[in-house]
Amino acid sequence: MKVVSTTNAPQAIGPYSQAMISGGMVYTSGQIAIDPSSGNIQATTIEDQTHQVCKNVKAVLEASGSSLDKVVKTVCFLADMGDFATFNGIYAQYFTSKPARSCVAVKTLPKNVLVEIDTIAEL
């Protein structure tokens, strides 16, 4: 296994890695809307947070030698399923290869963000 780390995405806020490479696959940890340049959550809308999350996922994947086009599965967490349509519209701009996906609403996400995404991708 190999640990993936990049300053182009937020550092882990707990005892975990941004991603791990194993068996020719990349497993990213859930990314939230933290701006890596400031370390803060600056986006407050579902639109802005979804864009930031997708940029963070992209940065982690690129640091691993992969890309958004090589994602085979995503797991998406929303704080409010009422944001589903808006989230989908933005998500589709980034995940153009249409990977398999699960999307669920959860009671609370870390730092009270509105969205979190983790991925599994090929190298």
PDB file of N, CA and C in Angstrom:
ATOM      1  N   MET A   1       0.850  -1.185   0.000  1.00  0.00           N
ATOM      2  CA  MET A   1       0.000   0.000   0.000  1.00  0.00           C
ATOM      3  C   MET A   1       0.893   1.246   0.000  1.00  0.00           C
ATOM      4  N   LYS A   2       0.361   2.302  -0.578  1.00  0.00           N
ATOM      5  CA  LYS A   2       1.075   3.568  -0.631  1.00  0.00           C
ATOM      6  C   LYS A   2       0.139   4.695  -0.203  1.00  0.00           C
ATOM      7  N   VAL A   3       0.620   5.562   0.661  1.00  0.00           N
ATOM      8  CA  VAL A   3      -0.140   6.719   1.123  1.00  0.00           C
ATOM      9  C   VAL A   3      -0.040   7.828   0.085  1.00  0.00           C
ATOM     10  N   VAL A   4      -1.163   8.491  -0.180  1.00  0.00           N
ATOM     11  CA  VAL A   4      -1.200   9.636  -1.081  1.00  0.00           C
ATOM     12  C   VAL A   4      -1.405  10.893  -0.243  1.00  0.00           C
ATOM     13  N   SER A   5      -0.594  11.907  -0.530  1.00  0.00           N
ATOM     14  CA  SER A   5      -0.722  13.169   0.182  1.00  0.00           C
ATOM     15  C   SER A   5      -0.396  14.311  -0.771  1.00  0.00           C
ATOM     16  N   THR A   6      -1.200  15.355  -0.729  1.00  0.00           N
ATOM     17  CA  THR A   6      -0.964  16.536  -1.553  1.00  0.00           C
ATOM     18  C   THR A   6      -1.384  17.788  -0.789  1.00  0.00           C
ATOM     19  N   THR A   7      -0.686  18.882  -1.029  1.00  0.00           N
ATOM     20  CA  THR A   7      -1.075  20.167  -0.441  1.00  0.00           C
ATOM     21  C   THR A   7      -2.149  20.856  -1.277  1.00  0.00           C
ATOM     22  N   ASN A   8      -2.496  20.265  -2.432  1.00  0.00           N
ATOM     23  CA  ASN A   8      -3.530  20.836  -3.295  1.00  0.00           C
ATOM     24  C   ASN A   8      -4.943  20.446  -2.873  1.00  0.00           C
ATOM     25  N   ALA A   9      -5.038  19.676  -1.800  1.00  0.00           N
ATOM     26  CA  ALA A   9      -6.324  19.296  -1.211  1.00  0.00           C
ATOM     27  C   ALA A   9      -6.182  19.451   0.297  1.00  0.00           C
ATOM     28  N   PRO A  10      -7.285  19.547   1.011  1.00  0.00           N
ATOM     29  CA  PRO A  10      -7.200  19.721   2.465  1.00  0.00           C
ATOM     30  C   PRO A  10      -6.481  18.553   3.134  1.00  0.00           C
ATOM     31  N   GLN A  11      -5.731  18.873   4.145  1.00  0.00           N
ATOM     32  CA  GLN A  11      -5.085  17.836   4.936  1.00  0.00           C
ATOM     33  C   GLN A  11      -6.162  17.110   5.742  1.00  0.00           C
ATOM     34  N   ALA A  12      -5.893  15.875   6.075  1.00  0.00           N
ATOM     35  CA  ALA A  12      -6.850  15.081   6.853  1.00  0.00           C
ATOM     36  C   ALA A  12      -7.129  15.771   8.184  1.00  0.00           C
ATOM     37  N   ILE A  13      -8.383  15.717   8.617  1.00  0.00           N
ATOM     38  CA  ILE A  13      -8.755  16.327   9.895  1.00  0.00           C
ATOM     39  C   ILE A  13      -8.867  15.283  11.000  1.00  0.00           C
ATOM     40  N   GLY A  14      -8.308  14.112  10.728  1.00  0.00           N
ATOM     41  CA  GLY A  14      -8.322  13.024  11.699  1.00  0.00           C
ATOM     42  C   GLY A  14      -7.208  12.046  11.376  1.00  0.00           C
ATOM     43  N   PRO A  15      -7.213  10.893  12.032  1.00  0.00           N
ATOM     44  CA  PRO A  15      -6.152   9.904  11.836  1.00  0.00           C
ATOM     45  C   PRO A  15      -6.371   9.046  10.581  1.00  0.00           C
ATOM     46  N   TYR A  16      -6.273   9.666   9.416  1.00  0.00           N
ATOM     47  CA  TYR A  16      -6.448   8.966   8.147  1.00  0.00           C
ATOM     48  C   TYR A  16      -5.651   9.675   7.066  1.00  0.00           C
ATOM     49  N   SER A  17      -5.507   9.032   5.920  1.00  0.00           N
ATOM     50  CA  SER A  17      -4.791   9.589   4.773  1.00  0.00           C
ATOM     51  C   SER A  17      -5.780  10.185   3.780  1.00  0.00           C
ATOM     52  N   GLN A  18      -5.293  11.095   2.944  1.00  0.00           N
ATOM     53  CA  GLN A  18      -6.140  11.644   1.889  1.00  0.00           C
ATOM     54  C   GLN A  18      -6.574  10.534   0.934  1.00  0.00           C
ATOM     55  N   ALA A  19      -5.669   9.588   0.693  1.00  0.00           N
ATOM     56  CA  ALA A  19      -5.986   8.442  -0.164  1.00  0.00           C
ATOM     57  C   ALA A  19      -4.937   7.361   0.058  1.00  0.00           C
ATOM     58  N   MET A  20      -5.289   6.152  -0.390  1.00  0.00           N
ATOM     59  CA  MET A  20      -4.366   5.016  -0.369  1.00  0.00           C
ATOM     60  C   MET A  20      -4.403   4.361  -1.736  1.00  0.00           C
ATOM     61  N   ILE A  21      -3.239   3.900  -2.164  1.00  0.00           N
ATOM     62  CA  ILE A  21      -3.134   3.118  -3.395  1.00  0.00           C
ATOM     63  C   ILE A  21      -2.874   1.680  -3.005  1.00  0.00           C
ATOM     64  N   SER A  22      -3.651   0.778  -3.581  1.00  0.00           N
ATOM     65  CA  SER A  22      -3.474  -0.649  -3.331  1.00  0.00           C
ATOM     66  C   SER A  22      -4.015  -1.426  -4.524  1.00  0.00           C
ATOM     67  N   GLY A  23      -3.252  -2.405  -4.994  1.00  0.00           N
ATOM     68  CA  GLY A  23      -3.726  -3.269  -6.065  1.00  0.00           C
ATOM     69  C   GLY A  23      -4.126  -2.543  -7.333  1.00  0.00           C
ATOM     70  N   GLY A  24      -3.427  -1.483  -7.673  1.00  0.00           N
ATOM     71  CA  GLY A  24      -3.730  -0.750  -8.897  1.00  0.00           C
ATOM     72  C   GLY A  24      -4.955   0.152  -8.805  1.00  0.00           C
ATOM     73  N   MET A  25      -5.457   0.350  -7.591  1.00  0.00           N
ATOM     74  CA  MET A  25      -6.632   1.198  -7.375  1.00  0.00           C
ATOM     75  C   MET A  25      -6.300   2.292  -6.360  1.00  0.00           C
ATOM     76  N   VAL A  26      -7.006   3.404  -6.468  1.00  0.00           N
ATOM     77  CA  VAL A  26      -6.883   4.511  -5.527  1.00  0.00           C
ATOM     78  C   VAL A  26      -8.185   4.610  -4.747  1.00  0.00           C
ATOM     79  N   TYR A  27      -8.077   4.674  -3.439  1.00  0.00           N
ATOM     80  CA  TYR A  27      -9.229   4.805  -2.548  1.00  0.00           C
ATOM     81  C   TYR A  27      -9.091   6.148  -1.835  1.00  0.00           C
ATOM     82  N   THR A  28      -9.941   7.100  -2.188  1.00  0.00           N
ATOM     83  CA  THR A  28      -9.835   8.411  -1.540  1.00  0.00           C
ATOM     84  C   THR A  28     -10.695   8.450  -0.280  1.00  0.00           C
ATOM     85  N   SER A  29     -10.221   9.198   0.673  1.00  0.00           N
ATOM     86  CA  SER A  29     -11.049   9.487   1.840  1.00  0.00           C
ATOM     87  C   SER A  29     -12.099  10.502   1.424  1.00  0.00           C
ATOM     88  N   GLY A  30     -13.150  10.598   2.189  1.00  0.00           N
ATOM     89  CA  GLY A  30     -14.184  11.577   1.891  1.00  0.00           C
ATOM     90  C   GLY A  30     -13.609  12.979   1.890  1.00  0.00           C
ATOM     91  N   GLN A  31     -13.941  13.722   0.854  1.00  0.00           N
ATOM     92  CA  GLN A  31     -13.499  15.104   0.746  1.00  0.00           C
ATOM     93  C   GLN A  31     -14.681  16.022   1.044  1.00  0.00           C
ATOM     94  N   ILE A  32     -14.395  17.060   1.816  1.00  0.00           N
ATOM     95  CA  ILE A  32     -15.411  18.060   2.121  1.00  0.00           C
ATOM     96  C   ILE A  32     -14.949  19.403   1.568  1.00  0.00           C
ATOM     97  N   ALA A  33     -15.733  20.436   1.766  1.00  0.00           N
ATOM     98  CA  ALA A  33     -15.515  21.728   1.114  1.00  0.00           C
ATOM     99  C   ALA A  33     -14.509  22.620   1.828  1.00  0.00           C
ATOM    100  N   ILE A  34     -13.416  22.047   2.275  1.00  0.00           N
ATOM    101  CA  ILE A  34     -12.347  22.857   2.854  1.00  0.00           C
ATOM    102  C   ILE A  34     -11.485  23.381   1.715  1.00  0.00           C
ATOM    103  N   ASP A  35     -11.212  24.674   1.726  1.00  0.00           N
ATOM    104  CA  ASP A  35     -10.322  25.287   0.746  1.00  0.00           C
ATOM    105  C   ASP A  35      -8.891  24.971   1.181  1.00  0.00           C
ATOM    106  N   PRO A  36      -8.123  24.244   0.354  1.00  0.00           N
ATOM    107  CA  PRO A  36      -6.784  23.851   0.779  1.00  0.00           C
ATOM    108  C   PRO A  36      -5.827  25.027   0.998  1.00  0.00           C
ATOM    109  N   SER A  37      -6.074  26.153   0.346  1.00  0.00           N
ATOM    110  CA  SER A  37      -5.177  27.298   0.514  1.00  0.00           C
ATOM    111  C   SER A  37      -5.343  27.979   1.868  1.00  0.00           C
ATOM    112  N   SER A  38      -6.544  27.909   2.427  1.00  0.00           N
ATOM    113  CA  SER A  38      -6.788  28.568   3.720  1.00  0.00           C
ATOM    114  C   SER A  38      -7.001  27.578   4.857  1.00  0.00           C
ATOM    115  N   GLY A  39      -7.407  26.345   4.502  1.00  0.00           N
ATOM    116  CA  GLY A  39      -7.732  25.364   5.532  1.00  0.00           C
ATOM    117  C   GLY A  39      -9.100  25.585   6.152  1.00  0.00           C
ATOM    118  N   ASN A  40      -9.875  26.479   5.543  1.00  0.00           N
ATOM    119  CA  ASN A  40     -11.196  26.818   6.071  1.00  0.00           C
ATOM    120  C   ASN A  40     -12.296  26.465   5.076  1.00  0.00           C
ATOM    121  N   ILE A  41     -13.499  26.387   5.598  1.00  0.00           N
ATOM    122  CA  ILE A  41     -14.674  26.219   4.746  1.00  0.00           C
ATOM    123  C   ILE A  41     -15.172  27.615   4.417  1.00  0.00           C
ATOM    124  N   GLN A  42     -15.008  28.004   3.155  1.00  0.00           N
ATOM    125  CA  GLN A  42     -15.406  29.353   2.760  1.00  0.00           C
ATOM    126  C   GLN A  42     -16.709  29.349   1.975  1.00  0.00           C
ATOM    127  N   ALA A  43     -17.039  28.218   1.384  1.00  0.00           N
ATOM    128  CA  ALA A  43     -18.266  28.100   0.602  1.00  0.00           C
ATOM    129  C   ALA A  43     -19.436  27.798   1.531  1.00  0.00           C
ATOM    130  N   THR A  44     -20.556  28.459   1.314  1.00  0.00           N
ATOM    131  CA  THR A  44     -21.707  28.258   2.191  1.00  0.00           C
ATOM    132  C   THR A  44     -22.914  27.655   1.483  1.00  0.00           C
ATOM    133  N   THR A  45     -22.926  27.669   0.142  1.00  0.00           N
ATOM    134  CA  THR A  45     -24.067  27.122  -0.594  1.00  0.00           C
ATOM    135  C   THR A  45     -23.741  25.712  -1.080  1.00  0.00           C
ATOM    136  N   ILE A  46     -24.771  24.944  -1.393  1.00  0.00           N
ATOM    137  CA  ILE A  46     -24.550  23.599  -1.924  1.00  0.00           C
ATOM    138  C   ILE A  46     -23.786  23.678  -3.245  1.00  0.00           C
ATOM    139  N   GLU A  47     -24.059  24.693  -4.047  1.00  0.00           N
ATOM    140  CA  GLU A  47     -23.348  24.853  -5.316  1.00  0.00           C
ATOM    141  C   GLU A  47     -21.850  25.047  -5.088  1.00  0.00           C
ATOM    142  N   ASP A  48     -21.510  26.025  -4.278  1.00  0.00           N
ATOM    143  CA  ASP A  48     -20.101  26.324  -4.032  1.00  0.00           C
ATOM    144  C   ASP A  48     -19.387  25.175  -3.322  1.00  0.00           C
ATOM    145  N   GLN A  49     -20.068  24.544  -2.371  1.00  0.00           N
ATOM    146  CA  GLN A  49     -19.445  23.429  -1.661  1.00  0.00           C
ATOM    147  C   GLN A  49     -19.221  22.239  -2.591  1.00  0.00           C
ATOM    148  N   THR A  50     -20.171  21.948  -3.470  1.00  0.00           N
ATOM    149  CA  THR A  50     -20.009  20.824  -4.390  1.00  0.00           C
ATOM    150  C   THR A  50     -18.833  21.063  -5.327  1.00  0.00           C
ATOM    151  N   HIS A  51     -18.706  22.275  -5.849  1.00  0.00           N
ATOM    152  CA  HIS A  51     -17.553  22.595  -6.694  1.00  0.00           C
ATOM    153  C   HIS A  51     -16.245  22.388  -5.927  1.00  0.00           C
ATOM    154  N   GLN A  52     -16.173  22.880  -4.689  1.00  0.00           N
ATOM    155  CA  GLN A  52     -14.933  22.747  -3.909  1.00  0.00           C
ATOM    156  C   GLN A  52     -14.623  21.285  -3.614  1.00  0.00           C
ATOM    157  N   VAL A  53     -15.627  20.516  -3.255  1.00  0.00           N
ATOM    158  CA  VAL A  53     -15.422  19.086  -2.987  1.00  0.00           C
ATOM    159  C   VAL A  53     -14.887  18.388  -4.232  1.00  0.00           C
ATOM    160  N   CYS A  54     -15.483  18.652  -5.381  1.00  0.00           N
ATOM    161  CA  CYS A  54     -15.034  18.010  -6.625  1.00  0.00           C
ATOM    162  C   CYS A  54     -13.599  18.419  -6.964  1.00  0.00           C
ATOM    163  N   LYS A  55     -13.244  19.666  -6.732  1.00  0.00           N
ATOM    164  CA  LYS A  55     -11.862  20.114  -6.957  1.00  0.00           C
ATOM    165  C   LYS A  55     -10.911  19.396  -6.006  1.00  0.00           C
ATOM    166  N   ASN A  56     -11.337  19.195  -4.760  1.00  0.00           N
ATOM    167  CA  ASN A  56     -10.495  18.494  -3.788  1.00  0.00           C
ATOM    168  C   ASN A  56     -10.302  17.033  -4.183  1.00  0.00           C
ATOM    169  N   VAL A  57     -11.382  16.374  -4.613  1.00  0.00           N
ATOM    170  CA  VAL A  57     -11.287  14.982  -5.069  1.00  0.00           C
ATOM    171  C   VAL A  57     -10.331  14.912  -6.254  1.00  0.00           C
ATOM    172  N   LYS A  58     -10.488  15.823  -7.203  1.00  0.00           N
ATOM    173  CA  LYS A  58      -9.629  15.852  -8.391  1.00  0.00           C
ATOM    174  C   LYS A  58      -8.157  15.992  -7.991  1.00  0.00           C
ATOM    175  N   ALA A  59      -7.853  16.866  -7.057  1.00  0.00           N
ATOM    176  CA  ALA A  59      -6.468  17.083  -6.632  1.00  0.00           C
ATOM    177  C   ALA A  59      -5.866  15.827  -5.994  1.00  0.00           C
ATOM    178  N   VAL A  60      -6.647  15.148  -5.168  1.00  0.00           N
ATOM    179  CA  VAL A  60      -6.155  13.917  -4.531  1.00  0.00           C
ATOM    180  C   VAL A  60      -5.926  12.837  -5.582  1.00  0.00           C
ATOM    181  N   LEU A  61      -6.860  12.693  -6.509  1.00  0.00           N
ATOM    182  CA  LEU A  61      -6.705  11.691  -7.565  1.00  0.00           C
ATOM    183  C   LEU A  61      -5.479  11.987  -8.426  1.00  0.00           C
ATOM    184  N   GLU A  62      -5.290  13.231  -8.799  1.00  0.00           N
ATOM    185  CA  GLU A  62      -4.134  13.594  -9.619  1.00  0.00           C
ATOM    186  C   GLU A  62      -2.828  13.353  -8.870  1.00  0.00           C
ATOM    187  N   ALA A  63      -2.801  13.613  -7.566  1.00  0.00           N
ATOM    188  CA  ALA A  63      -1.602  13.356  -6.769  1.00  0.00           C
ATOM    189  C   ALA A  63      -1.264  11.872  -6.727  1.00  0.00           C
ATOM    190  N   SER A  64      -2.268  11.042  -6.910  1.00  0.00           N
ATOM    191  CA  SER A  64      -2.070   9.591  -6.883  1.00  0.00           C
ATOM    192  C   SER A  64      -1.668   9.039  -8.249  1.00  0.00           C
ATOM    193  N   GLY A  65      -1.788   9.876  -9.288  1.00  0.00           N
ATOM    194  CA  GLY A  65      -1.514   9.411 -10.648  1.00  0.00           C
ATOM    195  C   GLY A  65      -2.770   8.980 -11.382  1.00  0.00           C
ATOM    196  N   SER A  66      -3.923   9.305 -10.836  1.00  0.00           N
ATOM    197  CA  SER A  66      -5.197   8.951 -11.448  1.00  0.00           C
ATOM    198  C   SER A  66      -5.908  10.233 -11.886  1.00  0.00           C
ATOM    199  N   SER A  67      -7.195  10.120 -12.164  1.00  0.00           N
ATOM    200  CA  SER A  67      -7.968  11.294 -12.587  1.00  0.00           C
ATOM    201  C   SER A  67      -9.452  11.027 -12.382  1.00  0.00           C
ATOM    202  N   LEU A  68     -10.242  12.071 -12.543  1.00  0.00           N
ATOM    203  CA  LEU A  68     -11.697  11.925 -12.432  1.00  0.00           C
ATOM    204  C   LEU A  68     -12.239  10.948 -13.469  1.00  0.00           C
ATOM    205  N   ASP A  69     -11.631  10.883 -14.647  1.00  0.00           N
ATOM    206  CA  ASP A  69     -12.090   9.981 -15.705  1.00  0.00           C
ATOM    207  C   ASP A  69     -11.865   8.514 -15.380  1.00  0.00           C
ATOM    208  N   LYS A  70     -11.022   8.240 -14.388  1.00  0.00           N
ATOM    209  CA  LYS A  70     -10.718   6.852 -14.025  1.00  0.00           C
ATOM    210  C   LYS A  70     -11.484   6.388 -12.788  1.00  0.00           C
ATOM    211  N   VAL A  71     -12.390   7.228 -12.297  1.00  0.00           N
ATOM    212  CA  VAL A  71     -13.193   6.861 -11.126  1.00  0.00           C
ATOM    213  C   VAL A  71     -14.201   5.795 -11.526  1.00  0.00           C
ATOM    214  N   VAL A  72     -14.245   4.709 -10.754  1.00  0.00           N
ATOM    215  CA  VAL A  72     -15.203   3.640 -11.037  1.00  0.00           C
ATOM    216  C   VAL A  72     -16.383   3.654 -10.071  1.00  0.00           C
ATOM    217  N   LYS A  73     -16.221   4.315  -8.915  1.00  0.00           N
ATOM    218  CA  LYS A  73     -17.299   4.334  -7.905  1.00  0.00           C
ATOM    219  C   LYS A  73     -17.151   5.570  -7.041  1.00  0.00           C
ATOM    220  N   THR A  74     -18.263   6.220  -6.761  1.00  0.00           N
ATOM    221  CA  THR A  74     -18.288   7.305  -5.788  1.00  0.00           C
ATOM    222  C   THR A  74     -19.327   6.993  -4.714  1.00  0.00           C
ATOM    223  N   VAL A  75     -19.087   7.533  -3.550  1.00  0.00           N
ATOM    224  CA  VAL A  75     -20.091   7.524  -2.495  1.00  0.00           C
ATOM    225  C   VAL A  75     -20.267   8.988  -2.102  1.00  0.00           C
ATOM    226  N   CYS A  76     -21.498   9.461  -2.189  1.00  0.00           N
ATOM    227  CA  CYS A  76     -21.805  10.866  -1.952  1.00  0.00           C
ATOM    228  C   CYS A  76     -22.737  10.983  -0.749  1.00  0.00           C
ATOM    229  N   PHE A  77     -22.431  11.940   0.089  1.00  0.00           N
ATOM    230  CA  PHE A  77     -23.214  12.178   1.299  1.00  0.00           C
ATOM    231  C   PHE A  77     -23.744  13.603   1.244  1.00  0.00           C
ATOM    232  N   LEU A  78     -25.034  13.769   1.421  1.00  0.00           N
ATOM    233  CA  LEU A  78     -25.661  15.089   1.443  1.00  0.00           C
ATOM    234  C   LEU A  78     -26.281  15.326   2.812  1.00  0.00           C
ATOM    235  N   ALA A  79     -26.173  16.548   3.291  1.00  0.00           N
ATOM    236  CA  ALA A  79     -26.817  16.896   4.550  1.00  0.00           C
ATOM    237  C   ALA A  79     -28.321  17.056   4.368  1.00  0.00           C
ATOM    238  N   ASP A  80     -28.743  17.320   3.127  1.00  0.00           N
ATOM    239  CA  ASP A  80     -30.164  17.532   2.843  1.00  0.00           C
ATOM    240  C   ASP A  80     -30.475  16.966   1.453  1.00  0.00           C
ATOM    241  N   MET A  81     -31.307  15.954   1.392  1.00  0.00           N
ATOM    242  CA  MET A  81     -31.644  15.345   0.104  1.00  0.00           C
ATOM    243  C   MET A  81     -32.407  16.330  -0.795  1.00  0.00           C
ATOM    244  N   GLY A  82     -32.883  17.411  -0.230  1.00  0.00           N
ATOM    245  CA  GLY A  82     -33.485  18.474  -1.025  1.00  0.00           C
ATOM    246  C   GLY A  82     -32.480  19.129  -1.971  1.00  0.00           C
ATOM    247  N   ASP A  83     -31.176  18.942  -1.706  1.00  0.00           N
ATOM    248  CA  ASP A  83     -30.114  19.482  -2.561  1.00  0.00           C
ATOM    249  C   ASP A  83     -29.726  18.527  -3.689  1.00  0.00           C
ATOM    250  N   PHE A  84     -30.408  17.388  -3.783  1.00  0.00           N
ATOM    251  CA  PHE A  84     -30.021  16.333  -4.718  1.00  0.00           C
ATOM    252  C   PHE A  84     -29.921  16.815  -6.163  1.00  0.00           C
ATOM    253  N   ALA A  85     -30.918  17.500  -6.670  1.00  0.00           N
ATOM    254  CA  ALA A  85     -30.920  17.945  -8.069  1.00  0.00           C
ATOM    255  C   ALA A  85     -29.794  18.944  -8.332  1.00  0.00           C
ATOM    256  N   THR A  86     -29.612  19.878  -7.447  1.00  0.00           N
ATOM    257  CA  THR A  86     -28.531  20.864  -7.601  1.00  0.00           C
ATOM    258  C   THR A  86     -27.175  20.173  -7.562  1.00  0.00           C
ATOM    259  N   PHE A  87     -27.000  19.283  -6.598  1.00  0.00           N
ATOM    260  CA  PHE A  87     -25.761  18.515  -6.478  1.00  0.00           C
ATOM    261  C   PHE A  87     -25.504  17.730  -7.764  1.00  0.00           C
ATOM    262  N   ASN A  88     -26.509  17.035  -8.277  1.00  0.00           N
ATOM    263  CA  ASN A  88     -26.358  16.230  -9.490  1.00  0.00           C
ATOM    264  C   ASN A  88     -25.876  17.057 -10.676  1.00  0.00           C
ATOM    265  N   GLY A  89     -26.427  18.253 -10.833  1.00  0.00           N
ATOM    266  CA  GLY A  89     -26.032  19.104 -11.953  1.00  0.00           C
ATOM    267  C   GLY A  89     -24.555  19.455 -11.923  1.00  0.00           C
ATOM    268  N   ILE A  90     -24.052  19.746 -10.748  1.00  0.00           N
ATOM    269  CA  ILE A  90     -22.630  20.101 -10.611  1.00  0.00           C
ATOM    270  C   ILE A  90     -21.762  18.847 -10.680  1.00  0.00           C
ATOM    271  N   TYR A  91     -22.164  17.800 -10.014  1.00  0.00           N
ATOM    272  CA  TYR A  91     -21.443  16.523 -10.019  1.00  0.00           C
ATOM    273  C   TYR A  91     -21.209  16.053 -11.459  1.00  0.00           C
ATOM    274  N   ALA A  92     -22.223  16.172 -12.299  1.00  0.00           N
ATOM    275  CA  ALA A  92     -22.148  15.714 -13.687  1.00  0.00           C
ATOM    276  C   ALA A  92     -21.095  16.474 -14.493  1.00  0.00           C
ATOM    277  N   GLN A  93     -20.770  17.697 -14.103  1.00  0.00           N
ATOM    278  CA  GLN A  93     -19.740  18.474 -14.788  1.00  0.00           C
ATOM    279  C   GLN A  93     -18.339  17.891 -14.546  1.00  0.00           C
ATOM    280  N   TYR A  94     -18.148  17.251 -13.418  1.00  0.00           N
ATOM    281  CA  TYR A  94     -16.839  16.712 -13.038  1.00  0.00           C
ATOM    282  C   TYR A  94     -16.710  15.223 -13.349  1.00  0.00           C
ATOM    283  N   PHE A  95     -17.733  14.455 -13.063  1.00  0.00           N
ATOM    284  CA  PHE A  95     -17.686  13.005 -13.243  1.00  0.00           C
ATOM    285  C   PHE A  95     -18.365  12.637 -14.561  1.00  0.00           C
ATOM    286  N   THR A  96     -17.743  13.053 -15.654  1.00  0.00           N
ATOM    287  CA  THR A  96     -18.333  12.890 -16.981  1.00  0.00           C
ATOM    288  C   THR A  96     -18.364  11.438 -17.456  1.00  0.00           C
ATOM    289  N   SER A  97     -17.536  10.570 -16.853  1.00  0.00           N
ATOM    290  CA  SER A  97     -17.548   9.157 -17.240  1.00  0.00           C
ATOM    291  C   SER A  97     -18.676   8.380 -16.571  1.00  0.00           C
ATOM    292  N   LYS A  98     -19.440   9.042 -15.723  1.00  0.00           N
ATOM    293  CA  LYS A  98     -20.602   8.460 -15.044  1.00  0.00           C
ATOM    294  C   LYS A  98     -20.275   7.171 -14.275  1.00  0.00           C
ATOM    295  N   PRO A  99     -19.380   7.291 -13.257  1.00  0.00           N
ATOM    296  CA  PRO A  99     -19.041   6.100 -12.467  1.00  0.00           C
ATOM    297  C   PRO A  99     -20.251   5.601 -11.678  1.00  0.00           C
ATOM    298  N   ALA A 100     -20.151   4.356 -11.225  1.00  0.00           N
ATOM    299  CA  ALA A 100     -21.174   3.840 -10.313  1.00  0.00           C
ATOM    300  C   ALA A 100     -21.217   4.763  -9.096  1.00  0.00           C
ATOM    301  N   ARG A 101     -22.391   4.859  -8.454  1.00  0.00           N
ATOM    302  CA  ARG A 101     -22.507   5.829  -7.371  1.00  0.00           C
ATOM    303  C   ARG A 101     -23.559   5.420  -6.369  1.00  0.00           C
ATOM    304  N   SER A 102     -23.291   5.769  -5.121  1.00  0.00           N
ATOM    305  CA  SER A 102     -24.303   5.755  -4.068  1.00  0.00           C
ATOM    306  C   SER A 102     -24.416   7.184  -3.575  1.00  0.00           C
ATOM    307  N   CYS A 103     -25.622   7.613  -3.239  1.00  0.00           N
ATOM    308  CA  CYS A 103     -25.816   8.957  -2.702  1.00  0.00           C
ATOM    309  C   CYS A 103     -26.858   8.867  -1.594  1.00  0.00           C
ATOM    310  N   VAL A 104     -26.473   9.279  -0.408  1.00  0.00           N
ATOM    311  CA  VAL A 104     -27.370   9.198   0.734  1.00  0.00           C
ATOM    312  C   VAL A 104     -27.391  10.515   1.495  1.00  0.00           C
ATOM    313  N   ALA A 105     -28.484  10.750   2.189  1.00  0.00           N
ATOM    314  CA  ALA A 105     -28.570  11.878   3.106  1.00  0.00           C
ATOM    315  C   ALA A 105     -28.165  11.387   4.484  1.00  0.00           C
ATOM    316  N   VAL A 106     -27.425  12.213   5.179  1.00  0.00           N
ATOM    317  CA  VAL A 106     -26.965  11.876   6.521  1.00  0.00           C
ATOM    318  C   VAL A 106     -27.356  12.997   7.473  1.00  0.00           C
ATOM    319  N   LYS A 107     -27.366  12.684   8.738  1.00  0.00           N
ATOM    320  CA  LYS A 107     -27.787  13.663   9.732  1.00  0.00           C
ATOM    321  C   LYS A 107     -26.816  14.837   9.822  1.00  0.00           C
ATOM    322  N   THR A 108     -25.524  14.540   9.892  1.00  0.00           N
ATOM    323  CA  THR A 108     -24.510  15.579  10.034  1.00  0.00           C
ATOM    324  C   THR A 108     -23.230  15.119   9.355  1.00  0.00           C
ATOM    325  N   LEU A 109     -22.534  16.059   8.731  1.00  0.00           N
ATOM    326  CA  LEU A 109     -21.232  15.788   8.126  1.00  0.00           C
ATOM    327  C   LEU A 109     -20.152  16.546   8.896  1.00  0.00           C
ATOM    328  N   PRO A 110     -18.887  16.136   8.763  1.00  0.00           N
ATOM    329  CA  PRO A 110     -17.814  16.839   9.474  1.00  0.00           C
ATOM    330  C   PRO A 110     -17.846  18.340   9.200  1.00  0.00           C
ATOM    331  N   LYS A 111     -17.616  19.099  10.232  1.00  0.00           N
ATOM    332  CA  LYS A 111     -17.592  20.562  10.158  1.00  0.00           C
ATOM    333  C   LYS A 111     -18.906  21.155   9.639  1.00  0.00           C
ATOM    334  N   ASN A 112     -19.976  20.377   9.747  1.00  0.00           N
ATOM    335  CA  ASN A 112     -21.310  20.809   9.330  1.00  0.00           C
ATOM    336  C   ASN A 112     -21.400  21.223   7.870  1.00  0.00           C
ATOM    337  N   VAL A 113     -20.600  20.579   7.010  1.00  0.00           N
ATOM    338  CA  VAL A 113     -20.670  20.872   5.575  1.00  0.00           C
ATOM    339  C   VAL A 113     -21.944  20.261   4.994  1.00  0.00           C
ATOM    340  N   LEU A 114     -22.222  20.592   3.758  1.00  0.00           N
ATOM    341  CA  LEU A 114     -23.439  20.143   3.088  1.00  0.00           C
ATOM    342  C   LEU A 114     -23.232  18.903   2.229  1.00  0.00           C
ATOM    343  N   VAL A 115     -21.960  18.605   1.869  1.00  0.00           N
ATOM    344  CA  VAL A 115     -21.680  17.508   0.942  1.00  0.00           C
ATOM    345  C   VAL A 115     -20.306  16.913   1.214  1.00  0.00           C
ATOM    346  N   GLU A 116     -20.189  15.611   0.984  1.00  0.00           N
ATOM    347  CA  GLU A 116     -18.918  14.894   1.068  1.00  0.00           C
ATOM    348  C   GLU A 116     -18.908  13.832  -0.018  1.00  0.00           C
ATOM    349  N   ILE A 117     -17.748  13.620  -0.642  1.00  0.00           N
ATOM    350  CA  ILE A 117     -17.612  12.608  -1.692  1.00  0.00           C
ATOM    351  C   ILE A 117     -16.338  11.806  -1.460  1.00  0.00           C
ATOM    352  N   ASP A 118     -16.444  10.479  -1.550  1.00  0.00           N
ATOM    353  CA  ASP A 118     -15.238   9.652  -1.617  1.00  0.00           C
ATOM    354  C   ASP A 118     -15.303   8.829  -2.895  1.00  0.00           C
ATOM    355  N   THR A 119     -14.127   8.372  -3.355  1.00  0.00           N
ATOM    356  CA  THR A 119     -14.057   7.677  -4.635  1.00  0.00           C
ATOM    357  C   THR A 119     -13.156   6.457  -4.596  1.00  0.00           C
ATOM    358  N   ILE A 120     -13.366   5.603  -5.582  1.00  0.00           N
ATOM    359  CA  ILE A 120     -12.459   4.506  -5.899  1.00  0.00           C
ATOM    360  C   ILE A 120     -12.145   4.677  -7.380  1.00  0.00           C
ATOM    361  N   ALA A 121     -10.842   4.680  -7.710  1.00  0.00           N
ATOM    362  CA  ALA A 121     -10.438   4.917  -9.099  1.00  0.00           C
ATOM    363  C   ALA A 121      -9.304   3.984  -9.493  1.00  0.00           C
ATOM    364  N   GLU A 122      -9.194   3.763 -10.798  1.00  0.00           N
ATOM    365  CA  GLU A 122      -8.047   3.033 -11.346  1.00  0.00           C
ATOM    366  C   GLU A 122      -6.858   3.977 -11.439  1.00  0.00           C
ATOM    367  N   LEU A 123      -5.678   3.386 -11.395  1.00  0.00           N
ATOM    368  CA  LEU A 123      -4.471   4.198 -11.613  1.00  0.00           C
ATOM    369  C   LEU A 123      -4.291   4.481 -13.094  1.00  0.00           C
TER     370      LEU A 123
END
